[in-house]
Protein backbone atom coordinates (compact mmCIF):
# COMPACT_ATOMS: atom_id res chain seq x y z
CA MET A 1 12.17 -24.20 22.36
CA LYS A 2 13.24 -22.84 19.01
CA LEU A 3 15.19 -25.62 17.30
CA ARG A 4 15.46 -24.22 13.80
CA ASN A 5 17.85 -26.88 12.57
CA ALA A 6 15.59 -29.72 13.68
CA LEU A 7 12.57 -28.16 12.01
CA PHE A 8 14.54 -27.47 8.85
CA ALA A 9 15.53 -31.15 8.72
CA ALA A 10 11.89 -32.11 9.11
CA LEU A 11 10.96 -29.80 6.24
CA LEU A 12 13.57 -31.35 3.98
CA LEU A 13 12.20 -34.80 4.70
CA ALA A 14 8.66 -33.61 4.01
CA ALA A 15 9.35 -31.54 0.89
CA PRO A 16 8.32 -33.09 -2.41
CA ALA A 17 11.10 -34.05 -4.78
CA VAL A 18 11.28 -32.75 -8.34
CA ARG A 19 8.89 -34.94 -10.30
CA ALA A 20 8.24 -35.55 -13.95
CA ALA A 21 4.89 -33.85 -13.33
CA ASP A 22 6.59 -30.50 -12.76
CA PRO A 23 5.71 -28.42 -15.86
CA VAL A 24 8.59 -27.30 -18.03
CA VAL A 25 7.99 -24.22 -20.19
CA ALA A 26 9.93 -21.99 -22.55
CA ALA A 27 9.58 -18.23 -23.01
CA ALA A 28 10.80 -15.34 -25.18
CA GLY A 29 9.53 -12.23 -26.88
CA ASP A 30 10.46 -10.05 -29.87
CA ILE A 31 10.28 -12.94 -32.26
CA ALA A 32 9.37 -12.99 -35.94
CA CYS A 33 10.67 -10.52 -38.52
CA ASP A 34 8.42 -8.80 -41.02
CA PRO A 35 8.41 -10.76 -44.29
CA ASP A 36 9.44 -7.50 -46.00
CA ASP A 37 12.52 -7.15 -43.78
CA GLY A 38 15.73 -7.13 -45.82
CA ASP A 39 17.14 -9.91 -43.63
CA PHE A 40 14.05 -12.14 -43.72
CA ASN A 41 15.75 -14.41 -46.27
CA GLY A 42 12.78 -16.66 -46.92
CA GLY A 43 12.24 -17.07 -43.17
CA THR A 44 15.72 -18.36 -42.28
CA GLY A 45 17.23 -14.95 -41.55
CA THR A 46 20.94 -14.22 -41.22
CA ALA A 47 23.57 -15.09 -38.64
CA THR A 48 22.37 -12.30 -36.34
CA ARG A 49 18.86 -11.23 -37.41
CA CYS A 50 15.47 -12.70 -38.22
CA ARG A 51 16.34 -16.01 -36.57
CA GLN A 52 12.79 -17.01 -35.67
CA ARG A 53 13.36 -20.36 -37.39
CA ALA A 54 16.47 -21.09 -35.31
CA THR A 55 14.87 -20.17 -31.99
CA SER A 56 11.69 -22.12 -32.74
CA ASP A 57 13.82 -25.16 -33.59
CA LEU A 58 14.80 -25.19 -29.90
CA LEU A 59 11.15 -25.75 -29.00
CA VAL A 60 9.71 -28.13 -31.55
CA GLU A 61 9.61 -31.69 -30.21
CA ALA A 62 11.34 -30.57 -26.98
CA GLY A 63 8.39 -31.76 -24.89
CA TYR A 64 7.47 -28.42 -23.31
CA ASP A 65 4.18 -28.10 -21.47
CA ALA A 66 3.68 -24.50 -22.63
CA VAL A 67 5.48 -21.79 -24.59
CA LEU A 68 5.06 -18.27 -23.22
CA LEU A 69 5.15 -15.41 -25.75
CA LEU A 70 6.35 -12.13 -24.27
CA GLY A 71 5.02 -9.75 -26.93
CA ASP A 72 6.16 -8.25 -30.23
CA ASN A 73 5.64 -11.74 -31.51
CA GLN A 74 5.31 -10.52 -35.12
CA TYR A 75 6.98 -7.44 -36.63
CA GLU A 76 6.43 -4.78 -37.78
CA ASP A 77 2.74 -4.35 -37.13
CA GLY A 78 1.32 -7.72 -36.10
CA ALA A 79 -0.86 -7.94 -39.20
CA LEU A 80 -2.58 -11.28 -39.68
CA ALA A 81 -0.99 -11.85 -43.09
CA LYS A 82 2.46 -11.36 -41.54
CA TYR A 83 1.67 -13.72 -38.67
CA GLU A 84 0.72 -16.33 -41.25
CA ALA A 85 3.82 -15.74 -43.40
CA SER A 86 6.53 -15.45 -40.70
CA PHE A 87 5.37 -16.54 -37.24
CA ALA A 88 3.17 -19.47 -38.30
CA PRO A 89 5.85 -21.54 -40.10
CA THR A 90 8.27 -21.12 -37.16
CA TRP A 91 6.96 -20.54 -33.66
CA GLY A 92 3.44 -21.28 -34.88
CA ARG A 93 4.49 -24.92 -35.06
CA LEU A 94 3.96 -25.04 -31.29
CA GLY A 95 0.22 -24.59 -31.85
CA PRO A 96 -1.86 -25.17 -28.69
CA LEU A 97 1.19 -24.84 -26.42
CA LEU A 98 1.40 -21.09 -27.14
CA ARG A 99 0.31 -18.74 -24.33
CA PRO A 100 0.64 -15.23 -25.80
CA ALA A 101 1.00 -11.71 -24.44
CA PRO A 102 0.69 -8.73 -26.82
CA GLY A 103 3.42 -6.18 -27.44
CA ASN A 104 3.43 -2.64 -28.76
CA HIS A 105 4.05 -3.81 -32.33
CA GLU A 106 0.85 -5.85 -32.22
CA TYR A 107 -1.05 -2.63 -31.57
CA VAL A 108 0.37 -0.88 -34.65
CA THR A 109 -2.57 -2.68 -36.26
CA PRO A 110 -5.63 -1.03 -34.63
CA GLY A 111 -6.96 -3.08 -31.74
CA ALA A 112 -4.15 -5.62 -32.29
CA ALA A 113 -6.61 -7.25 -34.67
CA GLY A 114 -4.03 -9.49 -36.35
CA TYR A 115 -2.81 -10.79 -32.97
CA PHE A 116 -6.29 -11.61 -31.69
CA ASP A 117 -7.39 -13.09 -35.01
CA TYR A 118 -4.33 -15.35 -35.15
CA PHE A 119 -4.39 -16.64 -31.55
CA GLY A 120 -8.15 -16.61 -31.08
CA PRO A 121 -9.44 -17.53 -27.59
CA ALA A 122 -5.89 -18.33 -26.41
CA ALA A 123 -5.20 -14.56 -26.29
CA GLY A 124 -8.13 -13.82 -23.99
CA ASP A 125 -10.80 -11.16 -24.41
CA ARG A 126 -9.70 -9.00 -27.34
CA ALA A 127 -10.89 -5.86 -25.56
CA ARG A 128 -8.49 -6.61 -22.70
CA GLY A 129 -5.62 -8.91 -23.70
CA TYR A 130 -4.99 -9.98 -20.10
CA TYR A 131 -5.94 -13.28 -18.51
CA SER A 132 -4.66 -15.97 -16.13
CA TYR A 133 -4.36 -19.73 -15.99
CA GLU A 134 -2.98 -22.59 -13.88
CA LEU A 135 0.13 -24.55 -14.81
CA GLY A 136 0.92 -27.42 -12.48
CA THR A 137 0.68 -25.95 -9.00
CA TRP A 138 1.54 -22.44 -10.25
CA HIS A 139 -0.79 -19.53 -10.94
CA VAL A 140 0.21 -17.68 -14.12
CA VAL A 141 -0.91 -14.12 -14.93
CA VAL A 142 -0.62 -12.58 -18.40
CA LEU A 143 -0.87 -8.78 -18.51
CA ASN A 144 -1.22 -6.25 -21.32
CA SER A 145 1.41 -3.52 -21.12
CA SER A 146 0.01 -1.53 -24.06
CA CYS A 147 -1.78 0.55 -21.48
CA ASP A 148 -3.27 3.27 -23.71
CA ALA A 149 -5.05 0.66 -25.81
CA ILE A 150 -6.97 -0.98 -22.97
CA GLY A 151 -7.81 1.72 -20.43
CA GLY A 152 -4.54 2.01 -18.53
CA CYS A 153 -2.30 0.01 -16.22
CA GLY A 154 -2.18 2.19 -13.12
CA PRO A 155 -4.34 2.70 -10.03
CA GLY A 156 -8.03 2.70 -10.83
CA SER A 157 -7.59 1.06 -14.23
CA PRO A 158 -9.78 -1.94 -15.09
CA GLN A 159 -6.68 -4.07 -15.64
CA LEU A 160 -5.19 -3.34 -12.22
CA GLN A 161 -8.52 -3.93 -10.51
CA TRP A 162 -8.76 -7.27 -12.29
CA LEU A 163 -5.18 -8.17 -11.30
CA VAL A 164 -5.77 -7.51 -7.61
CA GLN A 165 -8.97 -9.56 -7.67
CA ASP A 166 -7.34 -12.37 -9.60
CA LEU A 167 -4.42 -12.62 -7.16
CA ALA A 168 -6.78 -12.62 -4.19
CA ALA A 169 -8.74 -15.48 -5.73
CA HIS A 170 -5.64 -17.58 -6.49
CA ARG A 171 -3.43 -17.87 -3.44
CA GLN A 172 -1.01 -20.48 -4.69
CA ALA A 173 2.42 -20.85 -3.12
CA CYS A 174 4.03 -19.88 -6.45
CA THR A 175 2.96 -17.19 -8.94
CA LEU A 176 4.44 -16.17 -12.30
CA ALA A 177 3.45 -13.07 -14.29
CA TYR A 178 4.52 -11.88 -17.73
CA TRP A 179 3.94 -8.94 -20.04
CA HIS A 180 5.88 -7.16 -22.77
CA HIS A 181 7.50 -3.99 -21.39
CA PRO A 182 9.92 -4.61 -18.47
CA ARG A 183 9.56 -2.70 -15.23
CA PHE A 184 13.35 -2.85 -14.73
CA SER A 185 15.90 -3.03 -17.56
CA SER A 186 19.49 -2.13 -18.40
CA GLY A 187 18.61 -2.28 -22.09
CA LEU A 188 17.89 0.40 -24.63
CA HIS A 189 14.47 1.30 -23.21
CA GLY A 190 15.52 1.19 -19.54
CA ASP A 191 13.29 1.12 -16.44
CA ASP A 192 9.63 1.92 -16.99
CA PRO A 193 7.61 3.16 -13.98
CA ALA A 194 4.39 2.79 -15.97
CA TYR A 195 4.29 -0.76 -14.62
CA ASP A 196 4.94 0.11 -10.99
CA ALA A 197 1.32 -0.68 -10.06
CA PHE A 198 1.69 -4.18 -11.54
CA TRP A 199 4.79 -4.75 -9.41
CA GLN A 200 3.12 -3.37 -6.29
CA ALA A 201 0.13 -5.69 -6.61
CA LEU A 202 2.26 -8.73 -7.39
CA TYR A 203 4.66 -7.99 -4.53
CA GLN A 204 1.86 -7.68 -1.98
CA ALA A 205 0.45 -11.01 -3.19
CA GLY A 206 3.81 -12.78 -2.86
CA ALA A 207 4.46 -13.34 -6.58
CA ASP A 208 7.79 -14.93 -7.37
CA LEU A 209 8.78 -14.30 -10.98
CA VAL A 210 8.10 -11.78 -13.78
CA LEU A 211 9.06 -12.27 -17.43
CA ALA A 212 9.23 -9.47 -20.03
CA GLY A 213 10.64 -8.65 -23.45
CA HIS A 214 10.78 -5.35 -25.41
CA ASP A 215 14.50 -4.83 -24.85
CA HIS A 216 16.22 -7.18 -27.28
CA ASP A 217 18.52 -8.87 -24.79
CA TYR A 218 18.53 -11.30 -21.90
CA GLU A 219 18.87 -9.93 -18.38
CA ARG A 220 18.41 -11.52 -14.97
CA PHE A 221 17.68 -9.38 -11.92
CA ALA A 222 17.95 -10.31 -8.27
CA PRO A 223 14.61 -10.27 -6.39
CA GLN A 224 13.46 -6.67 -5.90
CA ASP A 225 10.72 -4.78 -4.09
CA PRO A 226 8.53 -2.23 -5.95
CA SER A 227 11.10 0.52 -5.36
CA GLY A 228 13.85 -1.48 -7.04
CA ARG A 229 15.63 -2.36 -3.80
CA ALA A 230 17.13 -5.81 -3.36
CA ASP A 231 14.75 -7.95 -1.31
CA PRO A 232 15.89 -11.58 -1.05
CA GLU A 233 13.04 -12.53 1.30
CA HIS A 234 9.98 -11.17 -0.52
CA GLY A 235 11.22 -9.60 -3.75
CA ILE A 236 10.21 -10.58 -7.27
CA ARG A 237 12.84 -11.77 -9.73
CA GLU A 238 12.57 -10.40 -13.28
CA LEU A 239 13.94 -12.09 -16.40
CA VAL A 240 13.98 -10.00 -19.57
CA ALA A 241 14.04 -12.27 -22.62
CA GLY A 242 13.55 -10.21 -25.77
CA THR A 243 15.68 -12.78 -27.57
CA GLY A 244 13.07 -14.67 -29.57
CA GLY A 245 14.55 -14.06 -33.02
CA ARG A 246 14.42 -10.47 -34.29
CA GLU A 247 17.87 -9.30 -33.16
CA THR A 248 19.88 -8.41 -30.07
CA ARG A 249 20.75 -4.84 -29.04
CA PRO A 250 23.42 -3.51 -26.67
CA PHE A 251 22.87 -2.54 -23.05
CA THR A 252 23.06 1.10 -22.05
CA THR A 253 23.03 1.88 -18.29
CA VAL A 254 23.37 -1.12 -16.00
CA ARG A 255 20.63 -0.95 -13.40
CA PRO A 256 20.92 -1.86 -9.71
CA ASN A 257 20.43 -5.56 -8.93
CA SER A 258 21.16 -6.65 -12.50
CA GLU A 259 22.98 -9.96 -12.08
CA VAL A 260 23.50 -11.38 -15.59
CA ARG A 261 23.29 -9.80 -19.06
CA ASN A 262 23.51 -11.11 -22.61
CA ALA A 263 23.30 -8.96 -25.74
CA GLN A 264 25.08 -11.50 -27.89
CA ASP A 265 22.91 -14.55 -28.48
CA LEU A 266 19.27 -15.05 -29.39
CA GLY A 267 17.48 -17.89 -27.64
CA VAL A 268 14.82 -18.85 -25.12
CA VAL A 269 14.42 -19.16 -21.36
CA GLU A 270 13.46 -22.57 -20.04
CA LEU A 271 11.67 -22.84 -16.68
CA ARG A 272 10.87 -25.89 -14.58
CA LEU A 273 7.96 -24.88 -12.33
CA ARG A 274 8.37 -26.98 -9.18
CA THR A 275 5.86 -27.18 -6.35
CA ASP A 276 8.26 -25.20 -4.15
CA GLY A 277 10.18 -23.03 -6.61
CA TYR A 278 11.63 -22.94 -10.09
CA ASP A 279 14.76 -23.71 -12.12
CA TRP A 280 15.78 -21.53 -15.04
CA ARG A 281 18.28 -21.71 -17.89
CA PHE A 282 18.91 -19.72 -21.04
CA ILE A 283 19.23 -21.83 -24.19
CA PRO A 284 20.95 -20.10 -27.13
CA ALA A 285 19.97 -20.68 -30.74
CA ALA A 286 22.32 -22.83 -32.84
CA GLY A 287 25.80 -21.34 -32.86
CA GLY A 288 25.35 -19.39 -29.63
CA THR A 289 27.50 -19.85 -26.54
CA PHE A 290 25.89 -17.77 -23.78
CA SER A 291 24.40 -19.67 -20.86
CA ASP A 292 22.76 -18.85 -17.55
CA SER A 293 21.02 -21.14 -15.11
CA GLY A 294 19.91 -21.36 -11.52
CA SER A 295 17.33 -22.51 -9.03
CA THR A 296 15.39 -20.87 -6.22
CA GLY A 297 12.35 -21.29 -4.01
CA CYS A 298 9.00 -19.56 -3.84
CA HIS A 299 8.05 -17.23 -1.00
CA ASN A 300 5.03 -16.01 0.90
CA PRO A 301 3.73 -12.41 0.86
CA PRO A 302 5.25 -9.93 3.30
CA ASP A 303 3.81 -10.39 6.81
CA ALA A 304 1.58 -13.25 5.65
CA ALA A 305 -0.41 -14.74 8.53
CA SER A 306 -1.84 -17.69 6.58
CA LEU A 307 -0.41 -20.58 4.61
CA PHE A 308 -2.34 -21.49 1.47
CA LEU A 309 -1.73 -25.09 0.42
CA HIS A 310 -2.80 -27.32 -2.47
CA GLN A 311 -3.23 -24.48 -4.97
CA GLY A 312 -4.85 -22.32 -2.31
CA ARG A 313 -7.60 -24.76 -1.37
CA PHE A 314 -6.50 -25.16 2.27
CA ALA A 315 -5.72 -22.22 4.55
CA ALA A 316 -3.69 -22.77 7.73
CA ASP A 317 -3.60 -20.23 10.58
CA VAL A 318 -2.14 -20.34 14.08
CA VAL A 319 -2.31 -18.20 17.25
CA TRP A 320 0.14 -18.60 20.14
CA ARG A 321 0.65 -17.62 23.80
CA ASP A 322 3.84 -17.77 25.91
CA PHE A 323 4.76 -18.04 29.62
CA ASP A 324 4.85 -14.25 30.10
CA GLY A 325 1.27 -13.83 28.96
CA ASN A 326 2.20 -12.59 25.50
CA HIS A 327 0.17 -13.80 22.57
CA GLY A 328 0.07 -13.27 18.84
CA ILE A 329 -0.55 -14.57 15.36
CA GLY A 330 1.88 -16.95 13.69
CA ARG A 331 3.54 -15.65 10.53
CA ALA A 332 4.20 -17.65 7.39
CA GLY A 333 7.88 -18.30 6.90
CA ALA A 334 10.05 -19.04 3.90
CA PRO A 335 10.21 -21.08 1.81
CA ALA A 336 6.74 -21.49 0.34
CA ALA A 337 5.59 -24.81 -1.14
CA ASP A 338 2.31 -26.16 -2.45
CA GLY A 339 1.85 -28.96 0.08
CA SER A 340 3.58 -27.74 3.23
CA GLY A 341 4.74 -24.59 4.98
CA LEU A 342 6.27 -23.05 8.09
CA PHE A 343 5.14 -20.65 10.80
CA TRP A 344 7.28 -18.50 13.07
CA PHE A 345 6.08 -16.88 16.32
CA PHE A 346 8.88 -14.70 17.68
CA SER A 347 11.39 -14.21 14.86
CA PRO A 348 11.49 -15.16 11.17
CA GLN A 349 14.85 -16.77 11.94
CA ASN A 350 13.21 -19.23 14.37
CA TRP A 351 10.60 -21.50 12.82
CA GLU A 352 8.14 -23.01 15.27
CA LEU A 353 5.62 -25.07 13.33
CA LEU A 354 5.62 -27.15 10.13
CA VAL A 355 2.20 -27.87 8.59
CA LYS A 356 1.40 -30.30 5.77
CA VAL A 357 -1.85 -31.11 3.99
CA ILE A 358 -1.62 -34.45 2.17
CA ASP A 359 -3.95 -35.57 -0.59
CA ALA A 360 -4.77 -39.15 0.46
CA CYS A 361 -7.98 -39.39 -1.53
CA ALA A 362 -6.65 -42.47 -3.31
CA LEU A 363 -5.94 -44.16 0.04
CA ASN A 364 -8.82 -43.42 2.39
CA HIS A 365 -10.84 -40.70 0.63
CA ARG A 366 -9.46 -38.04 2.95
CA PHE A 367 -7.11 -35.09 3.03
CA TRP A 368 -4.70 -35.56 5.94
CA VAL A 369 -3.18 -32.89 8.19
CA PHE A 370 0.31 -33.52 9.56
CA ALA A 371 2.21 -31.00 11.70
CA ALA A 372 5.37 -30.88 13.78
CA ALA A 373 6.46 -28.16 16.20
CA THR A 374 9.66 -27.36 18.09
CA THR A 375 8.06 -25.43 20.92
CA ASN A 376 6.43 -25.74 24.32
CA VAL A 377 4.41 -22.52 24.08
CA GLY A 378 0.67 -22.82 23.68
CA TYR A 379 -0.81 -22.63 20.22
CA SER A 380 -4.02 -23.27 18.34
CA LEU A 381 -3.70 -24.40 14.72
CA SER A 382 -6.64 -24.14 12.32
CA VAL A 383 -6.73 -25.68 8.84
CA THR A 384 -9.71 -24.73 6.67
CA ASP A 385 -10.93 -26.25 3.42
CA THR A 386 -11.89 -23.08 1.57
CA LEU A 387 -14.12 -25.01 -0.82
CA THR A 388 -16.40 -26.33 1.90
CA GLY A 389 -15.70 -24.01 4.84
CA ARG A 390 -14.89 -26.96 7.10
CA THR A 391 -12.12 -26.41 9.66
CA ALA A 392 -9.92 -28.82 11.61
CA ARG A 393 -8.41 -27.44 14.86
CA TYR A 394 -5.45 -28.65 16.89
CA GLU A 395 -4.46 -27.37 20.35
CA ASN A 396 -1.19 -27.48 22.25
CA PRO A 397 -1.48 -26.32 25.89
CA LEU A 398 1.13 -23.99 27.33
CA GLY A 399 4.06 -25.90 28.78
CA ARG A 400 3.67 -29.11 26.79
CA ARG A 401 6.34 -30.14 24.36
CA SER A 402 4.22 -30.22 21.25
CA PRO A 403 3.69 -33.72 19.87
CA ALA A 404 3.40 -34.47 16.19
CA ILE A 405 -0.04 -34.17 14.59
CA THR A 406 -0.92 -37.06 12.27
CA ASP A 407 -4.59 -36.61 11.48
CA THR A 408 -5.46 -39.08 8.71
CA SER A 409 -9.17 -38.27 8.88
CA ALA A 410 -9.04 -34.48 8.76
CA PHE A 411 -11.21 -33.79 5.71
CA ASP A 412 -13.58 -36.20 3.95
CA THR A 413 -13.95 -33.67 1.15
CA CYS A 414 -12.20 -35.37 -1.76
CA PRO A 415 -13.23 -34.21 -5.23
């Protein structure tokens, strides 16, 4: 029995609501003008240029959990003295909330020395400039797109090897990555295949969102595969937000799958990182009128056979067999969420099994396993705590209408 509507209703009842605990972040790149710029104007800029004060005013005391810097944070050369004179009195007011990525202008100073000196350990290893961290239930990857300065970005490069290993070690339901140069862009610089290997690795790992700067505009793309084809099921959405203060520039050739474009207003992108997806909106600096907003869910990797729940700690797998003697491996369906997920057996349009892992450590010092199926085929469900290697197994014999699983003693492995 493949009752998709019934299972979808069960998922809606089980899905966590948006909570105050969902991190809210802001992001932009191409930020602070050189103090010697003719439009610097003591740091306040003009109506259209050097507006790092106006964009940072959107952030100060706004209650963000982090502020993501998309590179070219300080013009023209990222020298430490310029960071201290221009960036520090504006965006620097966000202090420990800043999570930086370097841009090409940072590397005009050899080794991006001013950038690494200013941000210190927050910028990662100064010989690499790439790192990752956790934000709520999301895994966040920061990459360095100044490839020539750090040994490359393509196949065989140390950065790509690190990226693949990092993604394999962090199998969260939702993943965000950001770097300076966009892979896809309708702006002045256009598409850049130098970052194809980044996109390939992120796509195979089921990443959900990429942020970039470099082109001084805001652009939202529909989810795409590594070849730039629309892929609503498994594609990665890209937001270009080179609108942090320096200036905006016009678009040139509109690229496929470009959905929204703004070359008028400077501003920042705000993201709410939910356990099952994200909400976005563009906030213009004072005097601006452009807006863009939306909401979407996270997704699993293409052909994923496992669900990874609770920030990847628990792995769920299922095998099935039908009345004709066929058998196979269950596939992870959309949408992806941190605490629950879906399997399909015969078609991605027909969900068969909903699985939840519930943190009940405060109640009975256990993680619980709940599951509900709309099928009478045989299946064997395994849920493994990857920290301890312990596995809980649940069987449904062929021909039985699968009952609900409510195992409140599944794992006595609370932290």
